[in-house]
N, C-alpha and C. Protein backbone atom coordinates (compact mmCIF):
# COMPACT_ATOMS: atom_id res chain seq x y z
N UNK A 1 -2.56 -12.68 17.10
CA UNK A 1 -3.46 -11.96 16.20
C UNK A 1 -2.87 -11.97 14.79
N UNK A 2 -3.69 -12.12 13.79
CA UNK A 2 -3.19 -12.14 12.42
C UNK A 2 -2.80 -10.74 11.95
N UNK A 3 -2.01 -10.68 10.89
CA UNK A 3 -1.67 -9.42 10.26
C UNK A 3 -2.89 -8.98 9.46
N UNK A 4 -3.30 -7.70 9.63
CA UNK A 4 -4.45 -7.18 8.91
C UNK A 4 -4.01 -6.00 8.05
N UNK A 5 -4.68 -5.84 6.91
CA UNK A 5 -4.34 -4.77 5.97
C UNK A 5 -5.61 -4.08 5.53
N UNK A 6 -5.58 -2.74 5.51
CA UNK A 6 -6.69 -1.95 5.02
C UNK A 6 -6.21 -1.04 3.91
N UNK A 7 -7.10 -0.70 3.01
CA UNK A 7 -6.78 0.16 1.87
C UNK A 7 -7.80 1.27 1.81
N UNK A 8 -7.34 2.49 1.52
CA UNK A 8 -8.26 3.61 1.42
C UNK A 8 -7.77 4.60 0.37
N UNK A 9 -8.72 5.21 -0.29
CA UNK A 9 -8.46 6.28 -1.25
C UNK A 9 -9.60 7.28 -1.12
N UNK A 10 -9.26 8.52 -0.91
CA UNK A 10 -10.30 9.54 -0.80
C UNK A 10 -10.72 10.01 -2.19
N UNK A 11 -11.74 10.83 -2.25
CA UNK A 11 -12.20 11.36 -3.53
C UNK A 11 -11.18 12.31 -4.16
N UNK A 12 -10.19 12.73 -3.38
CA UNK A 12 -9.12 13.57 -3.93
C UNK A 12 -8.31 12.82 -4.98
N UNK A 13 -8.29 11.49 -4.89
CA UNK A 13 -7.55 10.67 -5.84
C UNK A 13 -8.18 10.76 -7.22
N UNK A 14 -9.48 10.90 -7.28
CA UNK A 14 -10.16 11.00 -8.57
C UNK A 14 -11.52 10.34 -8.50
N UNK A 15 -12.02 10.01 -9.68
CA UNK A 15 -13.33 9.36 -9.74
C UNK A 15 -13.22 7.91 -9.28
N UNK A 16 -14.32 7.19 -9.31
CA UNK A 16 -14.34 5.80 -8.81
C UNK A 16 -13.35 4.91 -9.55
N UNK A 17 -13.21 5.12 -10.84
CA UNK A 17 -12.28 4.30 -11.62
C UNK A 17 -10.85 4.52 -11.14
N UNK A 18 -10.46 5.77 -10.92
CA UNK A 18 -9.11 6.08 -10.45
C UNK A 18 -8.88 5.55 -9.04
N UNK A 19 -9.87 5.69 -8.18
CA UNK A 19 -9.73 5.18 -6.81
C UNK A 19 -9.58 3.67 -6.79
N UNK A 20 -10.39 2.99 -7.59
CA UNK A 20 -10.31 1.53 -7.63
C UNK A 20 -8.98 1.06 -8.21
N UNK A 21 -8.48 1.76 -9.21
CA UNK A 21 -7.19 1.39 -9.79
C UNK A 21 -6.08 1.55 -8.74
N UNK A 22 -6.11 2.66 -8.02
CA UNK A 22 -5.10 2.90 -6.98
C UNK A 22 -5.17 1.81 -5.91
N UNK A 23 -6.38 1.44 -5.50
CA UNK A 23 -6.52 0.39 -4.48
C UNK A 23 -6.06 -0.96 -5.00
N UNK A 24 -6.34 -1.27 -6.26
CA UNK A 24 -5.87 -2.54 -6.83
C UNK A 24 -4.35 -2.59 -6.84
N UNK A 25 -3.72 -1.48 -7.19
CA UNK A 25 -2.24 -1.45 -7.19
C UNK A 25 -1.69 -1.60 -5.78
N UNK A 26 -2.33 -0.97 -4.81
CA UNK A 26 -1.89 -1.11 -3.42
C UNK A 26 -2.07 -2.55 -2.93
N UNK A 27 -3.18 -3.19 -3.31
CA UNK A 27 -3.41 -4.58 -2.92
C UNK A 27 -2.32 -5.50 -3.48
N UNK A 28 -1.97 -5.31 -4.73
CA UNK A 28 -0.94 -6.15 -5.34
C UNK A 28 0.43 -5.89 -4.72
N UNK A 29 0.73 -4.64 -4.41
CA UNK A 29 2.00 -4.33 -3.75
C UNK A 29 2.04 -4.98 -2.37
N UNK A 30 0.94 -4.91 -1.64
CA UNK A 30 0.87 -5.53 -0.32
C UNK A 30 1.01 -7.04 -0.43
N UNK A 31 0.37 -7.63 -1.43
CA UNK A 31 0.44 -9.08 -1.63
C UNK A 31 1.87 -9.53 -1.92
N UNK A 32 2.65 -8.67 -2.58
CA UNK A 32 4.02 -9.02 -2.92
C UNK A 32 5.00 -8.77 -1.77
N UNK A 33 4.78 -7.74 -0.98
CA UNK A 33 5.77 -7.30 0.02
C UNK A 33 5.46 -7.77 1.43
N UNK A 34 4.21 -7.75 1.84
CA UNK A 34 3.87 -8.04 3.24
C UNK A 34 4.23 -9.45 3.71
N UNK A 35 4.12 -10.49 2.89
CA UNK A 35 4.51 -11.81 3.41
C UNK A 35 5.97 -11.87 3.86
N UNK A 36 6.82 -11.07 3.23
CA UNK A 36 8.24 -11.07 3.59
C UNK A 36 8.56 -10.10 4.72
N UNK A 37 7.99 -8.91 4.68
CA UNK A 37 8.39 -7.85 5.60
C UNK A 37 7.36 -7.48 6.65
N UNK A 38 6.13 -7.92 6.47
CA UNK A 38 5.09 -7.62 7.46
C UNK A 38 5.26 -8.49 8.69
N UNK A 39 4.66 -8.07 9.78
CA UNK A 39 4.74 -8.83 11.03
C UNK A 39 3.35 -9.19 11.51
N UNK A 40 3.26 -10.40 12.05
CA UNK A 40 2.00 -10.88 12.59
C UNK A 40 1.62 -10.01 13.79
N UNK A 41 0.35 -9.69 13.90
CA UNK A 41 -0.14 -8.87 15.00
C UNK A 41 -0.19 -7.39 14.69
N UNK A 42 0.29 -6.99 13.55
CA UNK A 42 0.26 -5.59 13.15
C UNK A 42 -0.92 -5.34 12.23
N UNK A 43 -1.43 -4.12 12.28
CA UNK A 43 -2.46 -3.65 11.35
C UNK A 43 -1.82 -2.61 10.45
N UNK A 44 -1.96 -2.78 9.16
CA UNK A 44 -1.39 -1.85 8.19
C UNK A 44 -2.52 -1.18 7.43
N UNK A 45 -2.39 0.12 7.19
CA UNK A 45 -3.34 0.86 6.38
C UNK A 45 -2.56 1.53 5.26
N UNK A 46 -2.90 1.18 4.03
CA UNK A 46 -2.24 1.76 2.87
C UNK A 46 -3.17 2.79 2.25
N UNK A 47 -2.65 3.99 2.06
CA UNK A 47 -3.47 5.11 1.61
C UNK A 47 -3.06 5.51 0.20
N UNK A 48 -4.01 5.51 -0.71
CA UNK A 48 -3.76 5.95 -2.07
C UNK A 48 -3.68 7.46 -2.13
N UNK A 49 -2.71 7.95 -2.86
CA UNK A 49 -2.51 9.40 -3.01
C UNK A 49 -2.77 9.85 -4.44
N UNK A 50 -3.18 11.10 -4.57
CA UNK A 50 -3.50 11.69 -5.86
C UNK A 50 -2.30 11.61 -6.79
N UNK A 51 -2.50 11.09 -7.98
CA UNK A 51 -1.52 10.95 -9.06
C UNK A 51 -0.39 9.98 -8.75
N UNK A 52 0.17 9.99 -7.56
CA UNK A 52 1.36 9.18 -7.32
C UNK A 52 1.08 7.69 -7.25
N UNK A 53 -0.03 7.27 -6.67
CA UNK A 53 -0.30 5.84 -6.52
C UNK A 53 -0.61 5.19 -7.87
N UNK A 54 -1.43 5.82 -8.67
CA UNK A 54 -1.84 5.22 -9.94
C UNK A 54 -0.78 5.32 -11.02
N UNK A 55 0.06 6.34 -10.97
CA UNK A 55 1.02 6.55 -12.05
C UNK A 55 2.44 6.09 -11.73
N UNK A 56 2.73 5.79 -10.49
CA UNK A 56 4.09 5.38 -10.11
C UNK A 56 4.40 4.01 -10.67
N UNK A 57 5.65 3.81 -11.08
CA UNK A 57 6.11 2.51 -11.55
C UNK A 57 5.85 1.48 -10.46
N UNK A 58 5.35 0.28 -10.85
CA UNK A 58 4.94 -0.69 -9.86
C UNK A 58 6.11 -1.19 -9.01
N UNK A 59 7.26 -1.38 -9.61
CA UNK A 59 8.44 -1.82 -8.84
C UNK A 59 8.84 -0.75 -7.83
N UNK A 60 8.72 0.51 -8.20
CA UNK A 60 9.01 1.61 -7.27
C UNK A 60 7.98 1.65 -6.15
N UNK A 61 6.72 1.35 -6.48
CA UNK A 61 5.67 1.32 -5.46
C UNK A 61 5.95 0.22 -4.43
N UNK A 62 6.36 -0.95 -4.91
CA UNK A 62 6.72 -2.03 -4.00
C UNK A 62 7.95 -1.65 -3.17
N UNK A 63 8.92 -0.98 -3.78
CA UNK A 63 10.09 -0.52 -3.05
C UNK A 63 9.74 0.49 -1.98
N UNK A 64 8.80 1.37 -2.29
CA UNK A 64 8.35 2.36 -1.29
C UNK A 64 7.70 1.67 -0.09
N UNK A 65 6.89 0.66 -0.37
CA UNK A 65 6.24 -0.07 0.71
C UNK A 65 7.27 -0.83 1.55
N UNK A 66 8.23 -1.46 0.90
CA UNK A 66 9.28 -2.18 1.63
C UNK A 66 10.09 -1.22 2.50
N UNK A 67 10.42 -0.06 1.96
CA UNK A 67 11.16 0.94 2.72
C UNK A 67 10.37 1.41 3.94
N UNK A 68 9.08 1.66 3.74
CA UNK A 68 8.23 2.12 4.85
C UNK A 68 8.14 1.05 5.94
N UNK A 69 7.99 -0.20 5.55
CA UNK A 69 7.90 -1.28 6.53
C UNK A 69 9.20 -1.43 7.31
N UNK A 70 10.32 -1.36 6.63
CA UNK A 70 11.61 -1.45 7.33
C UNK A 70 11.78 -0.30 8.29
N UNK A 71 11.36 0.88 7.90
CA UNK A 71 11.47 2.05 8.75
C UNK A 71 10.56 1.93 9.99
N UNK A 72 9.35 1.44 9.79
CA UNK A 72 8.41 1.29 10.91
C UNK A 72 8.91 0.26 11.91
N UNK A 73 9.40 -0.85 11.40
CA UNK A 73 9.81 -1.95 12.28
C UNK A 73 11.19 -1.77 12.88
N UNK A 74 11.96 -0.82 12.42
CA UNK A 74 13.28 -0.59 13.00
C UNK A 74 13.20 0.32 14.23
N UNK A 75 12.09 1.02 14.40
CA UNK A 75 11.94 1.94 15.53
C UNK A 75 11.61 1.23 16.82
């Protein structure tokens, strides 16, 4: 089974512009990190959070995703 990725942002994140920006940032982080650390056959869901997803430094966002993937796959 291929690796699948989903993205979601609730209305708590903000208006449509803020939600779309958060999802775009999550997509780019996933595009950069998942080919190296993701595993085939897994489904990943990335959730945008209020203020933190849109305003966090992009390198830190990628680091957070890498850390989460390493933590999930080490268990």
